[in-house]
Amino acid sequence: MDISHGVDLERISRFDALIHKPSFMNGVYTDNERAFILSSARPVRTAASSFAAKEAIAKALGRGLYGLLPREIEVLRDEKGRPEASLLGRAAEQYGDRSISLSISYKDDYTVASCVLWRA
């Protein structure tokens, strides 16, 4: 079994201006993610935590976001609020054989995401 871990920490306030930039939002988030972020009670925190999750997943893949498009990692929440991630496009082609476990937390002006990937 092959197991890897990635973690990322983001300052939430850094996303105050970013969520109002179409180039950032369209370049980083999928249509589903943008809809989820903009409909959430705290869109800035949601955008920051989703970005941290994308970074954590990319780090667990051993790449960081270098060589991957952020939109190739989709981070949403299930009906109970639990984060779920899917790989899309080239990321799915290269790494689709891995299972993803994701955790997101936040406190004050910070959000952290932790990802464990495994392949049997």
PDB file of N, CA and C in Angstrom:
ATOM      1  N   MET A   1       0.840  -1.176   0.000  1.00  0.00           N
ATOM      2  CA  MET A   1       0.000   0.000   0.000  1.00  0.00           C
ATOM      3  C   MET A   1       0.888   1.243   0.000  1.00  0.00           C
ATOM      4  N   ASP A   2       0.535   2.215  -0.791  1.00  0.00           N
ATOM      5  CA  ASP A   2       1.258   3.480  -0.918  1.00  0.00           C
ATOM      6  C   ASP A   2       0.427   4.575  -0.249  1.00  0.00           C
ATOM      7  N   ILE A   3       0.975   5.225   0.786  1.00  0.00           N
ATOM      8  CA  ILE A   3       0.261   6.263   1.530  1.00  0.00           C
ATOM      9  C   ILE A   3       1.088   7.540   1.518  1.00  0.00           C
ATOM     10  N   SER A   4       0.426   8.677   1.329  1.00  0.00           N
ATOM     11  CA  SER A   4       1.123   9.969   1.396  1.00  0.00           C
ATOM     12  C   SER A   4       0.237  10.984   2.107  1.00  0.00           C
ATOM     13  N   HIS A   5       0.870  12.048   2.595  1.00  0.00           N
ATOM     14  CA  HIS A   5       0.178  13.070   3.378  1.00  0.00           C
ATOM     15  C   HIS A   5       0.581  14.444   2.893  1.00  0.00           C
ATOM     16  N   GLY A   6      -0.360  15.374   2.916  1.00  0.00           N
ATOM     17  CA  GLY A   6      -0.075  16.767   2.602  1.00  0.00           C
ATOM     18  C   GLY A   6      -0.862  17.668   3.523  1.00  0.00           C
ATOM     19  N   VAL A   7      -0.312  18.826   3.831  1.00  0.00           N
ATOM     20  CA  VAL A   7      -0.986  19.789   4.699  1.00  0.00           C
ATOM     21  C   VAL A   7      -0.726  21.191   4.171  1.00  0.00           C
ATOM     22  N   ASP A   8      -1.679  22.089   4.374  1.00  0.00           N
ATOM     23  CA  ASP A   8      -1.495  23.479   3.963  1.00  0.00           C
ATOM     24  C   ASP A   8      -2.225  24.396   4.934  1.00  0.00           C
ATOM     25  N   LEU A   9      -1.624  25.545   5.179  1.00  0.00           N
ATOM     26  CA  LEU A   9      -2.174  26.573   6.060  1.00  0.00           C
ATOM     27  C   LEU A   9      -2.332  27.852   5.259  1.00  0.00           C
ATOM     28  N   GLU A  10      -3.485  28.491   5.348  1.00  0.00           N
ATOM     29  CA  GLU A  10      -3.746  29.744   4.629  1.00  0.00           C
ATOM     30  C   GLU A  10      -4.311  30.783   5.586  1.00  0.00           C
ATOM     31  N   ARG A  11      -3.948  32.039   5.313  1.00  0.00           N
ATOM     32  CA  ARG A  11      -4.548  33.164   6.040  1.00  0.00           C
ATOM     33  C   ARG A  11      -5.863  33.505   5.335  1.00  0.00           C
ATOM     34  N   ILE A  12      -6.960  33.431   6.041  1.00  0.00           N
ATOM     35  CA  ILE A  12      -8.279  33.627   5.454  1.00  0.00           C
ATOM     36  C   ILE A  12      -8.427  35.032   4.869  1.00  0.00           C
ATOM     37  N   SER A  13      -7.964  36.051   5.570  1.00  0.00           N
ATOM     38  CA  SER A  13      -8.147  37.430   5.101  1.00  0.00           C
ATOM     39  C   SER A  13      -7.465  37.697   3.765  1.00  0.00           C
ATOM     40  N   ARG A  14      -6.497  36.877   3.391  1.00  0.00           N
ATOM     41  CA  ARG A  14      -5.824  37.025   2.098  1.00  0.00           C
ATOM     42  C   ARG A  14      -6.812  36.846   0.946  1.00  0.00           C
ATOM     43  N   PHE A  15      -7.928  36.157   1.214  1.00  0.00           N
ATOM     44  CA  PHE A  15      -8.911  35.860   0.176  1.00  0.00           C
ATOM     45  C   PHE A  15     -10.019  36.912   0.092  1.00  0.00           C
ATOM     46  N   ASP A  16      -9.989  37.934   0.971  1.00  0.00           N
ATOM     47  CA  ASP A  16     -11.000  38.999   0.929  1.00  0.00           C
ATOM     48  C   ASP A  16     -11.108  39.610  -0.465  1.00  0.00           C
ATOM     49  N   ALA A  17      -9.993  40.008  -1.026  1.00  0.00           N
ATOM     50  CA  ALA A  17      -9.991  40.623  -2.358  1.00  0.00           C
ATOM     51  C   ALA A  17     -10.031  39.575  -3.459  1.00  0.00           C
ATOM     52  N   LEU A  18      -9.409  38.429  -3.228  1.00  0.00           N
ATOM     53  CA  LEU A  18      -9.301  37.423  -4.282  1.00  0.00           C
ATOM     54  C   LEU A  18     -10.655  36.893  -4.754  1.00  0.00           C
ATOM     55  N   ILE A  19     -11.629  36.771  -3.847  1.00  0.00           N
ATOM     56  CA  ILE A  19     -12.913  36.214  -4.275  1.00  0.00           C
ATOM     57  C   ILE A  19     -13.680  37.176  -5.182  1.00  0.00           C
ATOM     58  N   HIS A  20     -13.217  38.418  -5.298  1.00  0.00           N
ATOM     59  CA  HIS A  20     -13.857  39.395  -6.185  1.00  0.00           C
ATOM     60  C   HIS A  20     -13.130  39.529  -7.517  1.00  0.00           C
ATOM     61  N   LYS A  21     -12.095  38.715  -7.728  1.00  0.00           N
ATOM     62  CA  LYS A  21     -11.339  38.740  -8.973  1.00  0.00           C
ATOM     63  C   LYS A  21     -11.761  37.556  -9.835  1.00  0.00           C
ATOM     64  N   PRO A  22     -12.482  37.822 -10.926  1.00  0.00           N
ATOM     65  CA  PRO A  22     -12.920  36.718 -11.786  1.00  0.00           C
ATOM     66  C   PRO A  22     -11.767  35.855 -12.289  1.00  0.00           C
ATOM     67  N   SER A  23     -10.618  36.457 -12.583  1.00  0.00           N
ATOM     68  CA  SER A  23      -9.493  35.666 -13.091  1.00  0.00           C
ATOM     69  C   SER A  23      -9.025  34.654 -12.040  1.00  0.00           C
ATOM     70  N   PHE A  24      -9.018  35.046 -10.782  1.00  0.00           N
ATOM     71  CA  PHE A  24      -8.628  34.126  -9.712  1.00  0.00           C
ATOM     72  C   PHE A  24      -9.694  33.048  -9.529  1.00  0.00           C
ATOM     73  N   MET A  25     -10.931  33.472  -9.369  1.00  0.00           N
ATOM     74  CA  MET A  25     -12.015  32.521  -9.106  1.00  0.00           C
ATOM     75  C   MET A  25     -12.166  31.508 -10.239  1.00  0.00           C
ATOM     76  N   ASN A  26     -12.117  31.980 -11.490  1.00  0.00           N
ATOM     77  CA  ASN A  26     -12.276  31.082 -12.636  1.00  0.00           C
ATOM     78  C   ASN A  26     -11.045  30.222 -12.866  1.00  0.00           C
ATOM     79  N   GLY A  27      -9.881  30.716 -12.475  1.00  0.00           N
ATOM     80  CA  GLY A  27      -8.657  29.963 -12.675  1.00  0.00           C
ATOM     81  C   GLY A  27      -8.398  28.903 -11.616  1.00  0.00           C
ATOM     82  N   VAL A  28      -8.970  29.088 -10.439  1.00  0.00           N
ATOM     83  CA  VAL A  28      -8.681  28.198  -9.310  1.00  0.00           C
ATOM     84  C   VAL A  28      -9.826  27.230  -9.008  1.00  0.00           C
ATOM     85  N   TYR A  29     -11.053  27.699  -9.122  1.00  0.00           N
ATOM     86  CA  TYR A  29     -12.206  26.908  -8.689  1.00  0.00           C
ATOM     87  C   TYR A  29     -13.071  26.455  -9.863  1.00  0.00           C
ATOM     88  N   THR A  30     -13.646  25.269  -9.740  1.00  0.00           N
ATOM     89  CA  THR A  30     -14.586  24.761 -10.746  1.00  0.00           C
ATOM     90  C   THR A  30     -15.910  25.517 -10.620  1.00  0.00           C
ATOM     91  N   ASP A  31     -16.792  25.332 -11.594  1.00  0.00           N
ATOM     92  CA  ASP A  31     -18.122  25.951 -11.532  1.00  0.00           C
ATOM     93  C   ASP A  31     -18.844  25.544 -10.252  1.00  0.00           C
ATOM     94  N   ASN A  32     -18.771  24.249  -9.911  1.00  0.00           N
ATOM     95  CA  ASN A  32     -19.431  23.758  -8.689  1.00  0.00           C
ATOM     96  C   ASN A  32     -18.845  24.407  -7.442  1.00  0.00           C
ATOM     97  N   GLU A  33     -17.538  24.548  -7.402  1.00  0.00           N
ATOM     98  CA  GLU A  33     -16.894  25.167  -6.240  1.00  0.00           C
ATOM     99  C   GLU A  33     -17.278  26.633  -6.119  1.00  0.00           C
ATOM    100  N   ARG A  34     -17.263  27.346  -7.229  1.00  0.00           N
ATOM    101  CA  ARG A  34     -17.624  28.774  -7.179  1.00  0.00           C
ATOM    102  C   ARG A  34     -19.051  28.944  -6.674  1.00  0.00           C
ATOM    103  N   ALA A  35     -19.953  28.120  -7.156  1.00  0.00           N
ATOM    104  CA  ALA A  35     -21.339  28.203  -6.695  1.00  0.00           C
ATOM    105  C   ALA A  35     -21.427  27.918  -5.198  1.00  0.00           C
ATOM    106  N   PHE A  36     -20.702  26.905  -4.744  1.00  0.00           N
ATOM    107  CA  PHE A  36     -20.708  26.572  -3.323  1.00  0.00           C
ATOM    108  C   PHE A  36     -20.114  27.704  -2.486  1.00  0.00           C
ATOM    109  N   ILE A  37     -18.975  28.234  -2.916  1.00  0.00           N
ATOM    110  CA  ILE A  37     -18.306  29.316  -2.185  1.00  0.00           C
ATOM    111  C   ILE A  37     -19.222  30.530  -2.071  1.00  0.00           C
ATOM    112  N   LEU A  38     -19.774  30.960  -3.191  1.00  0.00           N
ATOM    113  CA  LEU A  38     -20.570  32.184  -3.204  1.00  0.00           C
ATOM    114  C   LEU A  38     -21.907  32.032  -2.490  1.00  0.00           C
ATOM    115  N   SER A  39     -22.394  30.803  -2.327  1.00  0.00           N
ATOM    116  CA  SER A  39     -23.653  30.593  -1.611  1.00  0.00           C
ATOM    117  C   SER A  39     -23.441  30.288  -0.128  1.00  0.00           C
ATOM    118  N   SER A  40     -22.192  30.142   0.282  1.00  0.00           N
ATOM    119  CA  SER A  40     -21.926  29.798   1.684  1.00  0.00           C
ATOM    120  C   SER A  40     -22.116  31.016   2.590  1.00  0.00           C
ATOM    121  N   ALA A  41     -22.324  30.757   3.858  1.00  0.00           N
ATOM    122  CA  ALA A  41     -22.514  31.843   4.826  1.00  0.00           C
ATOM    123  C   ALA A  41     -21.243  32.672   5.001  1.00  0.00           C
ATOM    124  N   ARG A  42     -20.076  32.072   4.791  1.00  0.00           N
ATOM    125  CA  ARG A  42     -18.786  32.754   4.941  1.00  0.00           C
ATOM    126  C   ARG A  42     -17.929  32.462   3.710  1.00  0.00           C
ATOM    127  N   PRO A  43     -18.212  33.152   2.589  1.00  0.00           N
ATOM    128  CA  PRO A  43     -17.532  32.830   1.331  1.00  0.00           C
ATOM    129  C   PRO A  43     -16.012  32.998   1.373  1.00  0.00           C
ATOM    130  N   VAL A  44     -15.516  33.970   2.105  1.00  0.00           N
ATOM    131  CA  VAL A  44     -14.062  34.171   2.162  1.00  0.00           C
ATOM    132  C   VAL A  44     -13.411  32.976   2.862  1.00  0.00           C
ATOM    133  N   ARG A  45     -13.967  32.559   3.983  1.00  0.00           N
ATOM    134  CA  ARG A  45     -13.434  31.409   4.708  1.00  0.00           C
ATOM    135  C   ARG A  45     -13.560  30.131   3.872  1.00  0.00           C
ATOM    136  N   THR A  46     -14.671  29.980   3.177  1.00  0.00           N
ATOM    137  CA  THR A  46     -14.873  28.793   2.346  1.00  0.00           C
ATOM    138  C   THR A  46     -13.869  28.755   1.199  1.00  0.00           C
ATOM    139  N   ALA A  47     -13.643  29.900   0.551  1.00  0.00           N
ATOM    140  CA  ALA A  47     -12.662  29.958  -0.537  1.00  0.00           C
ATOM    141  C   ALA A  47     -11.263  29.631  -0.027  1.00  0.00           C
ATOM    142  N   ALA A  48     -10.898  30.197   1.124  1.00  0.00           N
ATOM    143  CA  ALA A  48      -9.563  29.954   1.687  1.00  0.00           C
ATOM    144  C   ALA A  48      -9.394  28.492   2.081  1.00  0.00           C
ATOM    145  N   SER A  49     -10.404  27.899   2.705  1.00  0.00           N
ATOM    146  CA  SER A  49     -10.271  26.518   3.146  1.00  0.00           C
ATOM    147  C   SER A  49     -10.262  25.557   1.950  1.00  0.00           C
ATOM    148  N   SER A  50     -11.018  25.865   0.920  1.00  0.00           N
ATOM    149  CA  SER A  50     -10.989  25.030  -0.286  1.00  0.00           C
ATOM    150  C   SER A  50      -9.638  25.124  -0.980  1.00  0.00           C
ATOM    151  N   PHE A  51      -9.051  26.319  -1.004  1.00  0.00           N
ATOM    152  CA  PHE A  51      -7.726  26.489  -1.595  1.00  0.00           C
ATOM    153  C   PHE A  51      -6.688  25.704  -0.793  1.00  0.00           C
ATOM    154  N   ALA A  52      -6.759  25.791   0.538  1.00  0.00           N
ATOM    155  CA  ALA A  52      -5.830  25.042   1.389  1.00  0.00           C
ATOM    156  C   ALA A  52      -5.962  23.546   1.117  1.00  0.00           C
ATOM    157  N   ALA A  53      -7.182  23.073   0.920  1.00  0.00           N
ATOM    158  CA  ALA A  53      -7.402  21.657   0.634  1.00  0.00           C
ATOM    159  C   ALA A  53      -6.764  21.263  -0.696  1.00  0.00           C
ATOM    160  N   LYS A  54      -6.921  22.110  -1.713  1.00  0.00           N
ATOM    161  CA  LYS A  54      -6.299  21.833  -3.017  1.00  0.00           C
ATOM    162  C   LYS A  54      -4.781  21.730  -2.863  1.00  0.00           C
ATOM    163  N   GLU A  55      -4.193  22.654  -2.109  1.00  0.00           N
ATOM    164  CA  GLU A  55      -2.738  22.636  -1.874  1.00  0.00           C
ATOM    165  C   GLU A  55      -2.324  21.376  -1.120  1.00  0.00           C
ATOM    166  N   ALA A  56      -3.084  21.004  -0.099  1.00  0.00           N
ATOM    167  CA  ALA A  56      -2.751  19.805   0.679  1.00  0.00           C
ATOM    168  C   ALA A  56      -2.797  18.559  -0.202  1.00  0.00           C
ATOM    169  N   ILE A  57      -3.798  18.467  -1.052  1.00  0.00           N
ATOM    170  CA  ILE A  57      -3.907  17.328  -1.962  1.00  0.00           C
ATOM    171  C   ILE A  57      -2.735  17.313  -2.931  1.00  0.00           C
ATOM    172  N   ALA A  58      -2.429  18.462  -3.510  1.00  0.00           N
ATOM    173  CA  ALA A  58      -1.308  18.549  -4.453  1.00  0.00           C
ATOM    174  C   ALA A  58       0.007  18.177  -3.786  1.00  0.00           C
ATOM    175  N   LYS A  59       0.186  18.576  -2.539  1.00  0.00           N
ATOM    176  CA  LYS A  59       1.406  18.212  -1.804  1.00  0.00           C
ATOM    177  C   LYS A  59       1.440  16.711  -1.531  1.00  0.00           C
ATOM    178  N   ALA A  60       0.291  16.133  -1.193  1.00  0.00           N
ATOM    179  CA  ALA A  60       0.248  14.687  -0.968  1.00  0.00           C
ATOM    180  C   ALA A  60       0.573  13.925  -2.249  1.00  0.00           C
ATOM    181  N   LEU A  61       0.257  14.514  -3.384  1.00  0.00           N
ATOM    182  CA  LEU A  61       0.598  13.908  -4.668  1.00  0.00           C
ATOM    183  C   LEU A  61       2.082  14.054  -4.989  1.00  0.00           C
ATOM    184  N   GLY A  62       2.777  14.859  -4.173  1.00  0.00           N
ATOM    185  CA  GLY A  62       4.210  15.046  -4.368  1.00  0.00           C
ATOM    186  C   GLY A  62       4.546  16.095  -5.401  1.00  0.00           C
ATOM    187  N   ARG A  63       3.568  16.928  -5.770  1.00  0.00           N
ATOM    188  CA  ARG A  63       3.769  17.890  -6.840  1.00  0.00           C
ATOM    189  C   ARG A  63       3.602  19.329  -6.394  1.00  0.00           C
ATOM    190  N   GLY A  64       2.818  19.580  -5.381  1.00  0.00           N
ATOM    191  CA  GLY A  64       2.347  20.924  -5.153  1.00  0.00           C
ATOM    192  C   GLY A  64       1.463  21.262  -6.339  1.00  0.00           C
ATOM    193  N   LEU A  65       1.078  22.502  -6.467  1.00  0.00           N
ATOM    194  CA  LEU A  65       0.240  22.873  -7.606  1.00  0.00           C
ATOM    195  C   LEU A  65       1.057  23.096  -8.868  1.00  0.00           C
ATOM    196  N   TYR A  66       2.361  22.846  -8.815  1.00  0.00           N
ATOM    197  CA  TYR A  66       3.190  22.956 -10.005  1.00  0.00           C
ATOM    198  C   TYR A  66       2.918  21.769 -10.916  1.00  0.00           C
ATOM    199  N   GLY A  67       2.507  22.043 -12.121  1.00  0.00           N
ATOM    200  CA  GLY A  67       2.216  20.985 -13.065  1.00  0.00           C
ATOM    201  C   GLY A  67       0.783  20.491 -13.011  1.00  0.00           C
ATOM    202  N   LEU A  68       0.014  20.962 -12.044  1.00  0.00           N
ATOM    203  CA  LEU A  68      -1.410  20.655 -11.963  1.00  0.00           C
ATOM    204  C   LEU A  68      -2.189  21.956 -12.058  1.00  0.00           C
ATOM    205  N   LEU A  69      -3.358  21.902 -12.646  1.00  0.00           N
ATOM    206  CA  LEU A  69      -4.246  23.064 -12.625  1.00  0.00           C
ATOM    207  C   LEU A  69      -5.095  22.982 -11.366  1.00  0.00           C
ATOM    208  N   PRO A  70      -5.217  24.064 -10.616  1.00  0.00           N
ATOM    209  CA  PRO A  70      -6.042  24.010  -9.399  1.00  0.00           C
ATOM    210  C   PRO A  70      -7.464  23.523  -9.665  1.00  0.00           C
ATOM    211  N   ARG A  71      -7.996  23.826 -10.853  1.00  0.00           N
ATOM    212  CA  ARG A  71      -9.356  23.379 -11.182  1.00  0.00           C
ATOM    213  C   ARG A  71      -9.429  21.872 -11.415  1.00  0.00           C
ATOM    214  N   GLU A  72      -8.296  21.199 -11.481  1.00  0.00           N
ATOM    215  CA  GLU A  72      -8.302  19.746 -11.637  1.00  0.00           C
ATOM    216  C   GLU A  72      -8.506  19.033 -10.301  1.00  0.00           C
ATOM    217  N   ILE A  73      -8.576  19.805  -9.238  1.00  0.00           N
ATOM    218  CA  ILE A  73      -8.884  19.272  -7.905  1.00  0.00           C
ATOM    219  C   ILE A  73     -10.144  19.988  -7.445  1.00  0.00           C
ATOM    220  N   GLU A  74     -11.224  19.256  -7.292  1.00  0.00           N
ATOM    221  CA  GLU A  74     -12.487  19.865  -6.878  1.00  0.00           C
ATOM    222  C   GLU A  74     -12.778  19.493  -5.435  1.00  0.00           C
ATOM    223  N   VAL A  75     -12.992  20.513  -4.606  1.00  0.00           N
ATOM    224  CA  VAL A  75     -13.256  20.323  -3.182  1.00  0.00           C
ATOM    225  C   VAL A  75     -14.657  20.843  -2.876  1.00  0.00           C
ATOM    226  N   LEU A  76     -15.517  19.945  -2.454  1.00  0.00           N
ATOM    227  CA  LEU A  76     -16.880  20.303  -2.081  1.00  0.00           C
ATOM    228  C   LEU A  76     -17.171  19.745  -0.696  1.00  0.00           C
ATOM    229  N   ARG A  77     -18.374  19.910  -0.204  1.00  0.00           N
ATOM    230  CA  ARG A  77     -18.776  19.370   1.095  1.00  0.00           C
ATOM    231  C   ARG A  77     -19.988  18.473   0.882  1.00  0.00           C
ATOM    232  N   ASP A  78     -20.071  17.397   1.668  1.00  0.00           N
ATOM    233  CA  ASP A  78     -21.254  16.551   1.578  1.00  0.00           C
ATOM    234  C   ASP A  78     -22.391  17.180   2.382  1.00  0.00           C
ATOM    235  N   GLU A  79     -23.514  16.479   2.479  1.00  0.00           N
ATOM    236  CA  GLU A  79     -24.699  17.039   3.146  1.00  0.00           C
ATOM    237  C   GLU A  79     -24.473  17.325   4.625  1.00  0.00           C
ATOM    238  N   LYS A  80     -23.452  16.722   5.220  1.00  0.00           N
ATOM    239  CA  LYS A  80     -23.138  16.973   6.628  1.00  0.00           C
ATOM    240  C   LYS A  80     -22.012  17.995   6.797  1.00  0.00           C
ATOM    241  N   GLY A  81     -21.492  18.518   5.691  1.00  0.00           N
ATOM    242  CA  GLY A  81     -20.423  19.502   5.754  1.00  0.00           C
ATOM    243  C   GLY A  81     -19.025  18.918   5.666  1.00  0.00           C
ATOM    244  N   ARG A  82     -18.917  17.609   5.535  1.00  0.00           N
ATOM    245  CA  ARG A  82     -17.612  16.953   5.441  1.00  0.00           C
ATOM    246  C   ARG A  82     -16.974  17.246   4.083  1.00  0.00           C
ATOM    247  N   PRO A  83     -15.704  17.665   4.074  1.00  0.00           N
ATOM    248  CA  PRO A  83     -15.058  17.946   2.787  1.00  0.00           C
ATOM    249  C   PRO A  83     -14.812  16.670   1.983  1.00  0.00           C
ATOM    250  N   GLU A  84     -15.052  16.795   0.682  1.00  0.00           N
ATOM    251  CA  GLU A  84     -14.806  15.711  -0.259  1.00  0.00           C
ATOM    252  C   GLU A  84     -14.036  16.277  -1.433  1.00  0.00           C
ATOM    253  N   ALA A  85     -13.174  15.487  -2.001  1.00  0.00           N
ATOM    254  CA  ALA A  85     -12.376  15.956  -3.129  1.00  0.00           C
ATOM    255  C   ALA A  85     -12.437  14.962  -4.273  1.00  0.00           C
ATOM    256  N   SER A  86     -12.397  15.501  -5.478  1.00  0.00           N
ATOM    257  CA  SER A  86     -12.350  14.706  -6.693  1.00  0.00           C
ATOM    258  C   SER A  86     -11.239  15.236  -7.576  1.00  0.00           C
ATOM    259  N   LEU A  87     -10.571  14.343  -8.257  1.00  0.00           N
ATOM    260  CA  LEU A  87      -9.570  14.730  -9.244  1.00  0.00           C
ATOM    261  C   LEU A  87     -10.243  14.741 -10.611  1.00  0.00           C
ATOM    262  N   LEU A  88      -9.927  15.751 -11.399  1.00  0.00           N
ATOM    263  CA  LEU A  88     -10.532  15.931 -12.711  1.00  0.00           C
ATOM    264  C   LEU A  88      -9.442  16.048 -13.773  1.00  0.00           C
ATOM    265  N   GLY A  89      -9.812  15.866 -15.018  1.00  0.00           N
ATOM    266  CA  GLY A  89      -8.890  16.099 -16.127  1.00  0.00           C
ATOM    267  C   GLY A  89      -7.613  15.289 -16.031  1.00  0.00           C
ATOM    268  N   ARG A  90      -6.486  15.967 -16.300  1.00  0.00           N
ATOM    269  CA  ARG A  90      -5.181  15.295 -16.269  1.00  0.00           C
ATOM    270  C   ARG A  90      -4.848  14.740 -14.896  1.00  0.00           C
ATOM    271  N   ALA A  91      -5.273  15.443 -13.841  1.00  0.00           N
ATOM    272  CA  ALA A  91      -5.004  14.942 -12.488  1.00  0.00           C
ATOM    273  C   ALA A  91      -5.678  13.592 -12.282  1.00  0.00           C
ATOM    274  N   ALA A  92      -6.895  13.447 -12.776  1.00  0.00           N
ATOM    275  CA  ALA A  92      -7.599  12.167 -12.664  1.00  0.00           C
ATOM    276  C   ALA A  92      -6.910  11.093 -13.495  1.00  0.00           C
ATOM    277  N   GLU A  93      -6.427  11.486 -14.684  1.00  0.00           N
ATOM    278  CA  GLU A  93      -5.723  10.523 -15.536  1.00  0.00           C
ATOM    279  C   GLU A  93      -4.439  10.025 -14.873  1.00  0.00           C
ATOM    280  N   GLN A  94      -3.709  10.929 -14.242  1.00  0.00           N
ATOM    281  CA  GLN A  94      -2.422  10.574 -13.635  1.00  0.00           C
ATOM    282  C   GLN A  94      -2.563   9.946 -12.254  1.00  0.00           C
ATOM    283  N   TYR A  95      -3.529  10.416 -11.469  1.00  0.00           N
ATOM    284  CA  TYR A  95      -3.597  10.034 -10.054  1.00  0.00           C
ATOM    285  C   TYR A  95      -4.959   9.476  -9.634  1.00  0.00           C
ATOM    286  N   GLY A  96      -5.801   9.133 -10.588  1.00  0.00           N
ATOM    287  CA  GLY A  96      -7.156   8.688 -10.283  1.00  0.00           C
ATOM    288  C   GLY A  96      -7.250   7.368  -9.548  1.00  0.00           C
ATOM    289  N   ASP A  97      -6.130   6.666  -9.414  1.00  0.00           N
ATOM    290  CA  ASP A  97      -6.135   5.387  -8.704  1.00  0.00           C
ATOM    291  C   ASP A  97      -5.954   5.555  -7.198  1.00  0.00           C
ATOM    292  N   ARG A  98      -5.921   6.795  -6.725  1.00  0.00           N
ATOM    293  CA  ARG A  98      -5.722   7.055  -5.300  1.00  0.00           C
ATOM    294  C   ARG A  98      -7.043   7.417  -4.625  1.00  0.00           C
ATOM    295  N   SER A  99      -7.176   7.005  -3.375  1.00  0.00           N
ATOM    296  CA  SER A  99      -8.308   7.412  -2.541  1.00  0.00           C
ATOM    297  C   SER A  99      -7.873   8.626  -1.731  1.00  0.00           C
ATOM    298  N   ILE A 100      -8.827   9.518  -1.454  1.00  0.00           N
ATOM    299  CA  ILE A 100      -8.526  10.784  -0.785  1.00  0.00           C
ATOM    300  C   ILE A 100      -9.317  10.902   0.504  1.00  0.00           C
ATOM    301  N   SER A 101      -8.620  11.202   1.587  1.00  0.00           N
ATOM    302  CA  SER A 101      -9.261  11.559   2.851  1.00  0.00           C
ATOM    303  C   SER A 101      -8.817  12.978   3.188  1.00  0.00           C
ATOM    304  N   LEU A 102      -9.773  13.835   3.478  1.00  0.00           N
ATOM    305  CA  LEU A 102      -9.500  15.259   3.627  1.00  0.00           C
ATOM    306  C   LEU A 102     -10.124  15.795   4.906  1.00  0.00           C
ATOM    307  N   SER A 103      -9.394  16.657   5.592  1.00  0.00           N
ATOM    308  CA  SER A 103      -9.911  17.339   6.773  1.00  0.00           C
ATOM    309  C   SER A 103      -9.565  18.817   6.671  1.00  0.00           C
ATOM    310  N   ILE A 104     -10.528  19.670   7.036  1.00  0.00           N
ATOM    311  CA  ILE A 104     -10.331  21.123   6.999  1.00  0.00           C
ATOM    312  C   ILE A 104     -10.752  21.680   8.352  1.00  0.00           C
ATOM    313  N   SER A 105      -9.969  22.617   8.852  1.00  0.00           N
ATOM    314  CA  SER A 105     -10.314  23.293  10.102  1.00  0.00           C
ATOM    315  C   SER A 105      -9.939  24.761   9.984  1.00  0.00           C
ATOM    316  N   TYR A 106     -10.500  25.578  10.839  1.00  0.00           N
ATOM    317  CA  TYR A 106     -10.182  27.003  10.830  1.00  0.00           C
ATOM    318  C   TYR A 106     -10.315  27.558  12.238  1.00  0.00           C
ATOM    319  N   LYS A 107      -9.538  28.597  12.475  1.00  0.00           N
ATOM    320  CA  LYS A 107      -9.541  29.295  13.765  1.00  0.00           C
ATOM    321  C   LYS A 107      -9.084  30.715  13.501  1.00  0.00           C
ATOM    322  N   ASP A 108      -9.850  31.671  13.966  1.00  0.00           N
ATOM    323  CA  ASP A 108      -9.531  33.092  13.776  1.00  0.00           C
ATOM    324  C   ASP A 108      -9.287  33.355  12.291  1.00  0.00           C
ATOM    325  N   ASP A 109      -8.091  33.810  11.928  1.00  0.00           N
ATOM    326  CA  ASP A 109      -7.809  34.187  10.541  1.00  0.00           C
ATOM    327  C   ASP A 109      -7.029  33.111   9.783  1.00  0.00           C
ATOM    328  N   TYR A 110      -7.079  31.872  10.240  1.00  0.00           N
ATOM    329  CA  TYR A 110      -6.331  30.806   9.570  1.00  0.00           C
ATOM    330  C   TYR A 110      -7.216  29.603   9.295  1.00  0.00           C
ATOM    331  N   THR A 111      -6.902  28.932   8.212  1.00  0.00           N
ATOM    332  CA  THR A 111      -7.531  27.653   7.889  1.00  0.00           C
ATOM    333  C   THR A 111      -6.426  26.675   7.548  1.00  0.00           C
ATOM    334  N   VAL A 112      -6.635  25.441   7.926  1.00  0.00           N
ATOM    335  CA  VAL A 112      -5.652  24.384   7.653  1.00  0.00           C
ATOM    336  C   VAL A 112      -6.389  23.210   7.025  1.00  0.00           C
ATOM    337  N   ALA A 113      -5.722  22.588   6.079  1.00  0.00           N
ATOM    338  CA  ALA A 113      -6.263  21.383   5.451  1.00  0.00           C
ATOM    339  C   ALA A 113      -5.210  20.292   5.508  1.00  0.00           C
ATOM    340  N   SER A 114      -5.673  19.093   5.776  1.00  0.00           N
ATOM    341  CA  SER A 114      -4.802  17.931   5.833  1.00  0.00           C
ATOM    342  C   SER A 114      -5.389  16.858   4.912  1.00  0.00           C
ATOM    343  N   CYS A 115      -4.532  16.226   4.133  1.00  0.00           N
ATOM    344  CA  CYS A 115      -4.966  15.217   3.177  1.00  0.00           C
ATOM    345  C   CYS A 115      -4.111  13.969   3.309  1.00  0.00           C
ATOM    346  N   VAL A 116      -4.774  12.829   3.307  1.00  0.00           N
ATOM    347  CA  VAL A 116      -4.090  11.540   3.231  1.00  0.00           C
ATOM    348  C   VAL A 116      -4.567  10.886   1.940  1.00  0.00           C
ATOM    349  N   LEU A 117      -3.598  10.453   1.136  1.00  0.00           N
ATOM    350  CA  LEU A 117      -3.871   9.727  -0.106  1.00  0.00           C
ATOM    351  C   LEU A 117      -3.364   8.307   0.042  1.00  0.00           C
ATOM    352  N   TRP A 118      -4.074   7.369  -0.513  1.00  0.00           N
ATOM    353  CA  TRP A 118      -3.563   6.007  -0.497  1.00  0.00           C
ATOM    354  C   TRP A 118      -3.958   5.289  -1.780  1.00  0.00           C
ATOM    355  N   ARG A 119      -3.128   4.310  -2.090  1.00  0.00           N
ATOM    356  CA  ARG A 119      -3.332   3.458  -3.254  1.00  0.00           C
ATOM    357  C   ARG A 119      -3.024   2.038  -2.821  1.00  0.00           C
ATOM    358  N   ALA A 120      -3.948   1.133  -3.040  1.00  0.00           N
ATOM    359  CA  ALA A 120      -3.744  -0.258  -2.630  1.00  0.00           C
ATOM    360  C   ALA A 120      -2.759  -0.967  -3.537  1.00  0.00           C
TER     361      ALA A 120
END
